[in-house]
C-alpha atoms as a PDB file:
ATOM      1  CA  MET A   1     -20.087   1.814  14.996  1.00  0.00           C
ATOM      2  CA  MET A   2     -16.362   2.466  15.535  1.00  0.00           C
ATOM      3  CA  LEU A   3     -16.080  -0.735  17.499  1.00  0.00           C
ATOM      4  CA  ARG A   4     -17.806  -2.739  14.791  1.00  0.00           C
ATOM      5  CA  ILE A   5     -15.511  -1.161  12.041  1.00  0.00           C
ATOM      6  CA  ALA A   6     -12.459  -1.928  14.024  1.00  0.00           C
ATOM      7  CA  ALA A   7     -13.629  -5.398  14.604  1.00  0.00           C
ATOM      8  CA  CYS A   8     -14.093  -5.833  10.876  1.00  0.00           C
ATOM      9  CA  ALA A   9     -10.669  -4.653   9.980  1.00  0.00           C
ATOM     10  CA  ALA A  10      -9.139  -6.957  12.566  1.00  0.00           C
ATOM     11  CA  ALA A  11     -10.830  -9.839  10.795  1.00  0.00           C
ATOM     12  CA  LEU A  12      -9.804  -8.756   7.304  1.00  0.00           C
ATOM     13  CA  LEU A  13      -6.328  -8.445   8.603  1.00  0.00           C
ATOM     14  CA  LEU A  14      -6.401 -11.871  10.121  1.00  0.00           C
ATOM     15  CA  HIS A  15      -7.751 -13.459   6.818  1.00  0.00           C
ATOM     16  CA  ALA A  16      -5.080 -11.601   5.068  1.00  0.00           C
ATOM     17  CA  THR A  17      -2.449 -13.150   7.094  1.00  0.00           C
ATOM     18  CA  THR A  18      -3.887 -16.525   7.144  1.00  0.00           C
ATOM     19  CA  ALA A  19      -4.089 -16.379   3.311  1.00  0.00           C
ATOM     20  CA  ARG A  20      -0.388 -15.590   3.017  1.00  0.00           C
ATOM     21  CA  ALA A  21       0.485 -18.474   5.157  1.00  0.00           C
ATOM     22  CA  GLN A  22      -1.742 -20.734   2.889  1.00  0.00           C
ATOM     23  CA  ILE A  23       0.196 -19.921  -0.129  1.00  0.00           C
ATOM     24  CA  ARG A  24       3.557 -20.818   1.028  1.00  0.00           C
ATOM     25  CA  VAL A  25       5.333 -23.140  -1.291  1.00  0.00           C
ATOM     26  CA  ASP A  26       7.659 -26.025  -0.439  1.00  0.00           C
ATOM     27  CA  ALA A  27      10.923 -24.803  -2.002  1.00  0.00           C
ATOM     28  CA  GLY A  28      11.839 -28.309  -2.502  1.00  0.00           C
ATOM     29  CA  LYS A  29       9.130 -28.571  -5.036  1.00  0.00           C
ATOM     30  CA  LEU A  30      10.187 -25.616  -7.110  1.00  0.00           C
ATOM     31  CA  VAL A  31      12.102 -26.039 -10.139  1.00  0.00           C
ATOM     32  CA  ASP A  32      13.781 -23.271 -12.331  1.00  0.00           C
ATOM     33  CA  LEU A  33      13.385 -24.035 -16.075  1.00  0.00           C
ATOM     34  CA  THR A  34      15.343 -20.797 -17.120  1.00  0.00           C
ATOM     35  CA  HIS A  35      18.958 -20.555 -18.195  1.00  0.00           C
ATOM     36  CA  SER A  36      20.900 -17.327 -16.889  1.00  0.00           C
ATOM     37  CA  PHE A  37      21.534 -14.582 -19.066  1.00  0.00           C
ATOM     38  CA  ASP A  38      24.996 -13.530 -19.539  1.00  0.00           C
ATOM     39  CA  GLU A  39      27.824 -13.000 -22.259  1.00  0.00           C
ATOM     40  CA  SER A  40      27.463 -16.764 -23.033  1.00  0.00           C
ATOM     41  CA  THR A  41      23.880 -16.983 -23.596  1.00  0.00           C
ATOM     42  CA  ILE A  42      22.956 -18.685 -26.844  1.00  0.00           C
ATOM     43  CA  TYR A  43      21.295 -16.561 -29.519  1.00  0.00           C
ATOM     44  CA  TRP A  44      19.823 -17.128 -32.903  1.00  0.00           C
ATOM     45  CA  PRO A  45      22.605 -16.515 -35.751  1.00  0.00           C
ATOM     46  CA  THR A  46      20.674 -13.695 -37.061  1.00  0.00           C
ATOM     47  CA  ALA A  47      20.126 -12.021 -33.583  1.00  0.00           C
ATOM     48  CA  LYS A  48      22.347  -9.947 -31.540  1.00  0.00           C
ATOM     49  CA  PRO A  49      24.008 -11.192 -28.419  1.00  0.00           C
ATOM     50  CA  PHE A  50      23.017 -10.348 -24.756  1.00  0.00           C
ATOM     51  CA  GLU A  51      24.925  -7.356 -23.419  1.00  0.00           C
ATOM     52  CA  TRP A  52      25.244  -6.274 -19.833  1.00  0.00           C
ATOM     53  CA  HIS A  53      27.295  -3.464 -18.472  1.00  0.00           C
ATOM     54  CA  ARG A  54      27.909  -2.384 -14.964  1.00  0.00           C
ATOM     55  CA  GLU A  55      27.117   1.471 -14.805  1.00  0.00           C
ATOM     56  CA  SER A  56      27.563   1.900 -10.757  1.00  0.00           C
ATOM     57  CA  TRP A  57      28.968  -0.964  -8.846  1.00  0.00           C
ATOM     58  CA  GLY A  58      30.646  -0.219  -5.335  1.00  0.00           C
ATOM     59  CA  LYS A  59      30.720   2.213  -2.574  1.00  0.00           C
ATOM     60  CA  THR A  60      29.437   5.882  -3.289  1.00  0.00           C
ATOM     61  CA  ALA A  61      31.025   8.946  -1.754  1.00  0.00           C
ATOM     62  CA  GLY A  62      28.582   8.860   0.904  1.00  0.00           C
ATOM     63  CA  GLY A  63      29.987   5.647   2.109  1.00  0.00           C
ATOM     64  CA  TYR A  64      26.907   3.331   1.365  1.00  0.00           C
ATOM     65  CA  TRP A  65      26.829   0.463  -1.455  1.00  0.00           C
ATOM     66  CA  TYR A  66      24.988   1.111  -4.575  1.00  0.00           C
ATOM     67  CA  ALA A  67      24.780  -1.227  -7.884  1.00  0.00           C
ATOM     68  CA  SER A  68      23.340  -0.655 -11.132  1.00  0.00           C
ATOM     69  CA  ALA A  69      23.740  -2.044 -14.622  1.00  0.00           C
ATOM     70  CA  SER A  70      22.201  -1.933 -18.148  1.00  0.00           C
ATOM     71  CA  PHE A  71      21.271  -4.547 -20.653  1.00  0.00           C
ATOM     72  CA  ALA A  72      20.501  -5.067 -24.144  1.00  0.00           C
ATOM     73  CA  ALA A  73      19.055  -8.127 -26.015  1.00  0.00           C
ATOM     74  CA  SER A  74      17.032  -9.493 -28.786  1.00  0.00           C
ATOM     75  CA  GLU A  75      13.679 -10.500 -27.999  1.00  0.00           C
ATOM     76  CA  HIS A  76      14.658 -14.064 -29.223  1.00  0.00           C
ATOM     77  CA  LEU A  77      17.633 -15.282 -27.389  1.00  0.00           C
ATOM     78  CA  GLY A  78      18.360 -17.451 -24.061  1.00  0.00           C
ATOM     79  CA  THR A  79      15.128 -18.908 -22.480  1.00  0.00           C
ATOM     80  CA  HIS A  80      12.441 -16.792 -24.103  1.00  0.00           C
ATOM     81  CA  ILE A  81       8.791 -16.675 -25.164  1.00  0.00           C
ATOM     82  CA  ASP A  82       7.820 -16.574 -28.818  1.00  0.00           C
ATOM     83  CA  SER A  83       4.517 -14.592 -28.791  1.00  0.00           C
ATOM     84  CA  PRO A  84       1.907 -15.709 -31.148  1.00  0.00           C
ATOM     85  CA  ILE A  85       2.484 -12.688 -33.405  1.00  0.00           C
ATOM     86  CA  HIS A  86       6.135 -14.017 -33.863  1.00  0.00           C
ATOM     87  CA  PHE A  87       4.732 -16.297 -36.866  1.00  0.00           C
ATOM     88  CA  GLY A  88       0.887 -15.383 -36.577  1.00  0.00           C
ATOM     89  CA  GLU A  89      -0.345 -12.163 -38.268  1.00  0.00           C
ATOM     90  CA  GLY A  90      -2.732 -10.345 -36.090  1.00  0.00           C
ATOM     91  CA  GLN A  91      -2.228 -12.558 -33.080  1.00  0.00           C
ATOM     92  CA  ALA A  92      -1.239 -11.732 -29.526  1.00  0.00           C
ATOM     93  CA  THR A  93       2.012  -9.740 -28.524  1.00  0.00           C
ATOM     94  CA  THR A  94       4.169 -10.354 -25.475  1.00  0.00           C
ATOM     95  CA  ASN A  95       1.997  -7.819 -23.425  1.00  0.00           C
ATOM     96  CA  THR A  96      -1.357  -9.062 -24.503  1.00  0.00           C
ATOM     97  CA  ILE A  97      -1.096 -12.787 -23.945  1.00  0.00           C
ATOM     98  CA  PRO A  98      -3.602 -13.179 -21.024  1.00  0.00           C
ATOM     99  CA  VAL A  99      -1.605 -13.977 -17.832  1.00  0.00           C
ATOM    100  CA  SER A 100      -3.921 -16.916 -17.197  1.00  0.00           C
ATOM    101  CA  GLN A 101      -2.716 -18.542 -20.490  1.00  0.00           C
ATOM    102  CA  LEU A 102       0.903 -18.213 -19.117  1.00  0.00           C
ATOM    103  CA  VAL A 103       0.288 -20.439 -16.155  1.00  0.00           C
ATOM    104  CA  GLY A 104      -1.010 -24.045 -16.745  1.00  0.00           C
ATOM    105  CA  ALA A 105      -0.640 -27.820 -15.993  1.00  0.00           C
ATOM    106  CA  GLY A 106       2.581 -29.059 -17.256  1.00  0.00           C
ATOM    107  CA  VAL A 107       2.937 -32.035 -19.456  1.00  0.00           C
ATOM    108  CA  VAL A 108       6.231 -33.269 -20.610  1.00  0.00           C
ATOM    109  CA  ILE A 109       6.973 -35.346 -23.652  1.00  0.00           C
ATOM    110  CA  ASP A 110      10.395 -37.139 -23.475  1.00  0.00           C
ATOM    111  CA  ILE A 111      11.946 -37.881 -26.822  1.00  0.00           C
ATOM    112  CA  SER A 112      15.627 -37.649 -25.595  1.00  0.00           C
ATOM    113  CA  GLN A 113      16.101 -41.120 -26.532  1.00  0.00           C
ATOM    114  CA  GLN A 114      14.833 -40.650 -30.063  1.00  0.00           C
ATOM    115  CA  SER A 115      16.980 -37.479 -30.285  1.00  0.00           C
ATOM    116  CA  ALA A 116      20.016 -39.129 -29.051  1.00  0.00           C
ATOM    117  CA  GLY A 117      20.339 -41.259 -32.206  1.00  0.00           C
ATOM    118  CA  ASN A 118      19.275 -38.286 -34.479  1.00  0.00           C
ATOM    119  CA  ARG A 119      20.293 -34.701 -33.845  1.00  0.00           C
ATOM    120  CA  ASP A 120      17.566 -33.340 -36.191  1.00  0.00           C
ATOM    121  CA  TYR A 121      15.014 -35.552 -34.822  1.00  0.00           C
ATOM    122  CA  LEU A 122      11.232 -34.080 -35.003  1.00  0.00           C
ATOM    123  CA  LEU A 123       8.816 -35.021 -32.415  1.00  0.00           C
ATOM    124  CA  SER A 124       5.973 -36.832 -34.331  1.00  0.00           C
ATOM    125  CA  PRO A 125       2.104 -37.542 -34.056  1.00  0.00           C
ATOM    126  CA  ALA A 126       3.001 -41.033 -32.983  1.00  0.00           C
ATOM    127  CA  ASP A 127       5.178 -39.770 -30.131  1.00  0.00           C
ATOM    128  CA  LEU A 128       2.160 -37.863 -28.814  1.00  0.00           C
ATOM    129  CA  ALA A 129      -0.036 -40.777 -29.382  1.00  0.00           C
ATOM    130  CA  ALA A 130       2.291 -42.993 -27.249  1.00  0.00           C
ATOM    131  CA  TRP A 131       2.758 -40.401 -24.607  1.00  0.00           C
ATOM    132  CA  GLU A 132      -1.419 -40.099 -24.376  1.00  0.00           C
ATOM    133  CA  LYS A 133      -1.699 -43.984 -24.321  1.00  0.00           C
ATOM    134  CA  ALA A 134       0.419 -43.997 -21.058  1.00  0.00           C
ATOM    135  CA  ASN A 135      -0.530 -40.671 -19.553  1.00  0.00           C
ATOM    136  CA  GLY A 136      -4.036 -40.005 -20.817  1.00  0.00           C
ATOM    137  CA  ARG A 137      -5.279 -37.248 -23.256  1.00  0.00           C
ATOM    138  CA  ILE A 138      -3.101 -33.883 -23.264  1.00  0.00           C
ATOM    139  CA  PRO A 139      -5.414 -31.537 -21.276  1.00  0.00           C
ATOM    140  CA  ALA A 140      -6.637 -28.324 -22.712  1.00  0.00           C
ATOM    141  CA  GLY A 141      -5.009 -25.126 -21.496  1.00  0.00           C
ATOM    142  CA  SER A 142      -1.759 -26.910 -20.503  1.00  0.00           C
ATOM    143  CA  ILE A 143       1.707 -26.136 -21.286  1.00  0.00           C
ATOM    144  CA  ALA A 144       3.418 -28.831 -23.438  1.00  0.00           C
ATOM    145  CA  MET A 145       7.093 -29.311 -22.602  1.00  0.00           C
ATOM    146  CA  ILE A 146       9.200 -31.311 -25.359  1.00  0.00           C
ATOM    147  CA  ARG A 147      12.300 -32.898 -23.673  1.00  0.00           C
ATOM    148  CA  THR A 148      14.977 -33.628 -26.274  1.00  0.00           C
ATOM    149  CA  GLY A 149      17.727 -33.623 -23.748  1.00  0.00           C
ATOM    150  CA  TRP A 150      19.547 -30.824 -25.506  1.00  0.00           C
ATOM    151  CA  ALA A 151      19.826 -28.656 -22.443  1.00  0.00           C
ATOM    152  CA  LYS A 152      23.026 -30.512 -21.490  1.00  0.00           C
ATOM    153  CA  PHE A 153      24.718 -28.939 -24.344  1.00  0.00           C
ATOM    154  CA  TRP A 154      23.767 -25.298 -23.330  1.00  0.00           C
ATOM    155  CA  THR A 155      27.512 -24.564 -22.589  1.00  0.00           C
ATOM    156  CA  GLU A 156      28.845 -26.077 -25.723  1.00  0.00           C
ATOM    157  CA  ARG A 157      27.351 -23.854 -28.773  1.00  0.00           C
ATOM    158  CA  GLU A 158      28.750 -26.020 -31.248  1.00  0.00           C
ATOM    159  CA  ARG A 159      26.817 -29.291 -29.932  1.00  0.00           C
ATOM    160  CA  TYR A 160      23.841 -27.269 -28.935  1.00  0.00           C
ATOM    161  CA  MET A 161      23.534 -25.445 -32.274  1.00  0.00           C
ATOM    162  CA  GLY A 162      25.351 -27.895 -34.552  1.00  0.00           C
ATOM    163  CA  THR A 163      27.789 -25.140 -35.797  1.00  0.00           C
ATOM    164  CA  ALA A 164      30.366 -22.847 -33.734  1.00  0.00           C
ATOM    165  CA  VAL A 165      29.859 -20.051 -36.099  1.00  0.00           C
ATOM    166  CA  THR A 166      27.680 -17.751 -34.485  1.00  0.00           C
ATOM    167  CA  THR A 167      26.331 -16.143 -37.796  1.00  0.00           C
ATOM    168  CA  ASP A 168      25.574 -19.395 -39.734  1.00  0.00           C
ATOM    169  CA  ALA A 169      21.945 -19.940 -39.834  1.00  0.00           C
ATOM    170  CA  ASP A 170      22.530 -22.551 -42.730  1.00  0.00           C
ATOM    171  CA  HIS A 171      24.090 -25.582 -40.769  1.00  0.00           C
ATOM    172  CA  LEU A 172      21.944 -25.715 -37.603  1.00  0.00           C
ATOM    173  CA  HIS A 173      21.455 -29.282 -36.146  1.00  0.00           C
ATOM    174  CA  PHE A 174      18.984 -29.734 -33.295  1.00  0.00           C
ATOM    175  CA  PRO A 175      15.559 -31.485 -32.693  1.00  0.00           C
ATOM    176  CA  GLY A 176      12.418 -29.905 -33.026  1.00  0.00           C
ATOM    177  CA  ILE A 177       8.672 -30.357 -33.498  1.00  0.00           C
ATOM    178  CA  SER A 178       7.033 -31.671 -36.955  1.00  0.00           C
ATOM    179  CA  GLU A 179       4.157 -29.757 -38.595  1.00  0.00           C
ATOM    180  CA  GLY A 180       2.011 -33.018 -37.951  1.00  0.00           C
ATOM    181  CA  ALA A 181       2.640 -32.809 -34.188  1.00  0.00           C
ATOM    182  CA  ALA A 182       2.196 -29.124 -33.811  1.00  0.00           C
ATOM    183  CA  LYS A 183      -1.210 -29.681 -35.473  1.00  0.00           C
ATOM    184  CA  VAL A 184      -2.085 -32.425 -32.745  1.00  0.00           C
ATOM    185  CA  LEU A 185      -1.119 -30.012 -29.918  1.00  0.00           C
ATOM    186  CA  VAL A 186      -3.398 -27.302 -31.572  1.00  0.00           C
ATOM    187  CA  GLU A 187      -6.148 -29.965 -31.645  1.00  0.00           C
ATOM    188  CA  ARG A 188      -5.486 -30.329 -27.773  1.00  0.00           C
ATOM    189  CA  ARG A 189      -5.909 -26.746 -27.272  1.00  0.00           C
ATOM    190  CA  VAL A 190      -2.644 -26.188 -25.245  1.00  0.00           C
ATOM    191  CA  SER A 191      -1.878 -22.937 -24.137  1.00  0.00           C
ATOM    192  CA  GLY A 192       1.627 -23.071 -24.864  1.00  0.00           C
ATOM    193  CA  VAL A 193       4.817 -25.364 -26.193  1.00  0.00           C
ATOM    194  CA  GLY A 194       7.892 -25.246 -25.007  1.00  0.00           C
ATOM    195  CA  ILE A 195      11.254 -27.026 -25.775  1.00  0.00           C
ATOM    196  CA  ASP A 196      14.766 -27.393 -24.612  1.00  0.00           C
ATOM    197  CA  THR A 197      16.528 -26.508 -28.079  1.00  0.00           C
ATOM    198  CA  ALA A 198      17.095 -23.083 -29.694  1.00  0.00           C
ATOM    199  CA  SER A 199      13.814 -23.339 -31.679  1.00  0.00           C
ATOM    200  CA  LEU A 200      10.361 -25.111 -31.822  1.00  0.00           C
ATOM    201  CA  ASP A 201      11.445 -26.223 -35.443  1.00  0.00           C
ATOM    202  CA  HIS A 202      14.319 -28.337 -35.919  1.00  0.00           C
ATOM    203  CA  GLY A 203      17.774 -26.928 -37.055  1.00  0.00           C
ATOM    204  CA  PRO A 204      17.598 -27.812 -40.693  1.00  0.00           C
ATOM    205  CA  SER A 205      14.222 -26.039 -41.000  1.00  0.00           C
ATOM    206  CA  LYS A 206      13.763 -22.972 -43.502  1.00  0.00           C
ATOM    207  CA  ASP A 207      10.027 -22.852 -43.383  1.00  0.00           C
ATOM    208  CA  PHE A 208       9.269 -22.966 -39.789  1.00  0.00           C
ATOM    209  CA  ARG A 209       6.205 -24.717 -40.060  1.00  0.00           C
ATOM    210  CA  ALA A 210       5.833 -25.558 -36.508  1.00  0.00           C
ATOM    211  CA  HIS A 211       6.131 -22.079 -35.431  1.00  0.00           C
ATOM    212  CA  ARG A 212       3.499 -21.148 -38.140  1.00  0.00           C
ATOM    213  CA  VAL A 213       1.055 -23.765 -37.151  1.00  0.00           C
ATOM    214  CA  LEU A 214       1.226 -23.068 -33.195  1.00  0.00           C
ATOM    215  CA  ASN A 215       1.534 -19.420 -33.403  1.00  0.00           C
ATOM    216  CA  ARG A 216      -1.340 -18.907 -36.071  1.00  0.00           C
ATOM    217  CA  ALA A 217      -3.644 -20.893 -33.446  1.00  0.00           C
ATOM    218  CA  GLY A 218      -2.624 -18.532 -30.666  1.00  0.00           C
ATOM    219  CA  ILE A 219      -0.469 -20.671 -28.947  1.00  0.00           C
ATOM    220  CA  TYR A 220       3.104 -19.148 -27.684  1.00  0.00           C
ATOM    221  CA  GLY A 221       6.295 -21.017 -27.782  1.00  0.00           C
ATOM    222  CA  LEU A 222       8.935 -21.393 -25.051  1.00  0.00           C
ATOM    223  CA  GLU A 223      12.563 -21.904 -26.326  1.00  0.00           C
ATOM    224  CA  ASN A 224      15.876 -22.909 -24.670  1.00  0.00           C
ATOM    225  CA  VAL A 225      14.109 -24.336 -21.637  1.00  0.00           C
ATOM    226  CA  ALA A 226      16.191 -25.909 -18.835  1.00  0.00           C
ATOM    227  CA  SER A 227      16.031 -28.674 -16.454  1.00  0.00           C
ATOM    228  CA  LEU A 228      12.940 -30.463 -17.941  1.00  0.00           C
ATOM    229  CA  GLY A 229      14.494 -33.802 -16.760  1.00  0.00           C
ATOM    230  CA  ALA A 230      13.440 -32.684 -13.052  1.00  0.00           C
ATOM    231  CA  LEU A 231       9.635 -32.709 -14.159  1.00  0.00           C
ATOM    232  CA  PRO A 232       7.294 -35.833 -14.330  1.00  0.00           C
ATOM    233  CA  PRO A 233       5.182 -36.309 -17.338  1.00  0.00           C
ATOM    234  CA  THR A 234       2.302 -34.796 -15.475  1.00  0.00           C
ATOM    235  CA  GLY A 235       1.315 -33.210 -12.337  1.00  0.00           C
ATOM    236  CA  ALA A 236       3.606 -30.209 -12.289  1.00  0.00           C
ATOM    237  CA  THR A 237       2.256 -26.651 -12.499  1.00  0.00           C
ATOM    238  CA  ILE A 238       4.116 -24.364 -15.112  1.00  0.00           C
ATOM    239  CA  PHE A 239       4.468 -20.561 -14.421  1.00  0.00           C
ATOM    240  CA  ALA A 240       5.983 -18.648 -17.694  1.00  0.00           C
ATOM    241  CA  LEU A 241       6.171 -15.030 -17.172  1.00  0.00           C
ATOM    242  CA  PRO A 242       7.957 -12.833 -19.687  1.00  0.00           C
ATOM    243  CA  MET A 243       9.243  -9.404 -19.615  1.00  0.00           C
ATOM    244  CA  LYS A 244       6.061  -7.370 -20.447  1.00  0.00           C
ATOM    245  CA  ILE A 245       6.990  -5.837 -23.812  1.00  0.00           C
ATOM    246  CA  ARG A 246       4.472  -3.719 -25.580  1.00  0.00           C
ATOM    247  CA  ASN A 247       3.990  -4.953 -29.103  1.00  0.00           C
ATOM    248  CA  GLY A 248       6.706  -7.526 -28.499  1.00  0.00           C
ATOM    249  CA  SER A 249       7.179 -10.498 -30.704  1.00  0.00           C
ATOM    250  CA  GLY A 250       8.868 -12.373 -27.686  1.00  0.00           C
ATOM    251  CA  GLY A 251      11.121 -11.503 -24.631  1.00  0.00           C
ATOM    252  CA  PRO A 252      13.002 -12.978 -21.746  1.00  0.00           C
ATOM    253  CA  VAL A 253      11.003 -15.243 -19.684  1.00  0.00           C
ATOM    254  CA  ARG A 254      11.408 -16.781 -16.268  1.00  0.00           C
ATOM    255  CA  ILE A 255       9.743 -20.069 -16.118  1.00  0.00           C
ATOM    256  CA  ILE A 256       9.414 -22.182 -13.015  1.00  0.00           C
ATOM    257  CA  ALA A 257       7.630 -25.280 -12.173  1.00  0.00           C
ATOM    258  CA  ILE A 258       6.054 -26.593  -9.018  1.00  0.00           C
ATOM    259  CA  LEU A 259       6.265 -30.219  -8.635  1.00  0.00           C
ATOM    260  CA  PRO A 260       3.257 -32.257  -7.367  1.00  0.00           C
END
């Protein structure tokens, strides 16, 4: 009996070791879609900026190294998630979004050319129709990323937001998603929608219709996404894992993609 137990244990260990080997990912196929959080992180004009403070940073009296710091941040700054409850009463909070909804096939809809000629450009149903004509129907459960090209302005707040005044929410200019396009994405039953600007809605919006349409349908948003130009229109797998804040309306998120 003991020999059989030992043999089973050895077999299980071998299986676990083999499984670990099988899930190794080619580092060359990993793309980080997240901006770093620091004192220059862009935040919404009505939010508080990111704060980080060293508390202990150096050699201790015992002679060994020890580093520890604290941070404070709005739920909605930098690369972050908008939980469905953000604009959808009764919808999921950050900690209740199913993990399965945070991982999905990535589709990238590129409107960078349109946005280059119009800083307030809105993704339209026609843009989505053109994408589907070239790539096939947007799959249910996918994570739709809207590439406007705005990430290249991340280090220039005035160009990224449309104003250099950090408290000015009345003169914002950047591309976004139209209400009509948001409705199409709801019809496609996507899990989430991301964009490389500060908001799903374009800068001049005062009623946030894209947010309202998507969040009410249980679809989360990803804002200030980085490096979408490194992804193909289809084929990548996206992981968008936020800080698990209980009852959160959003939170910092680390987004990565695995290329096909």
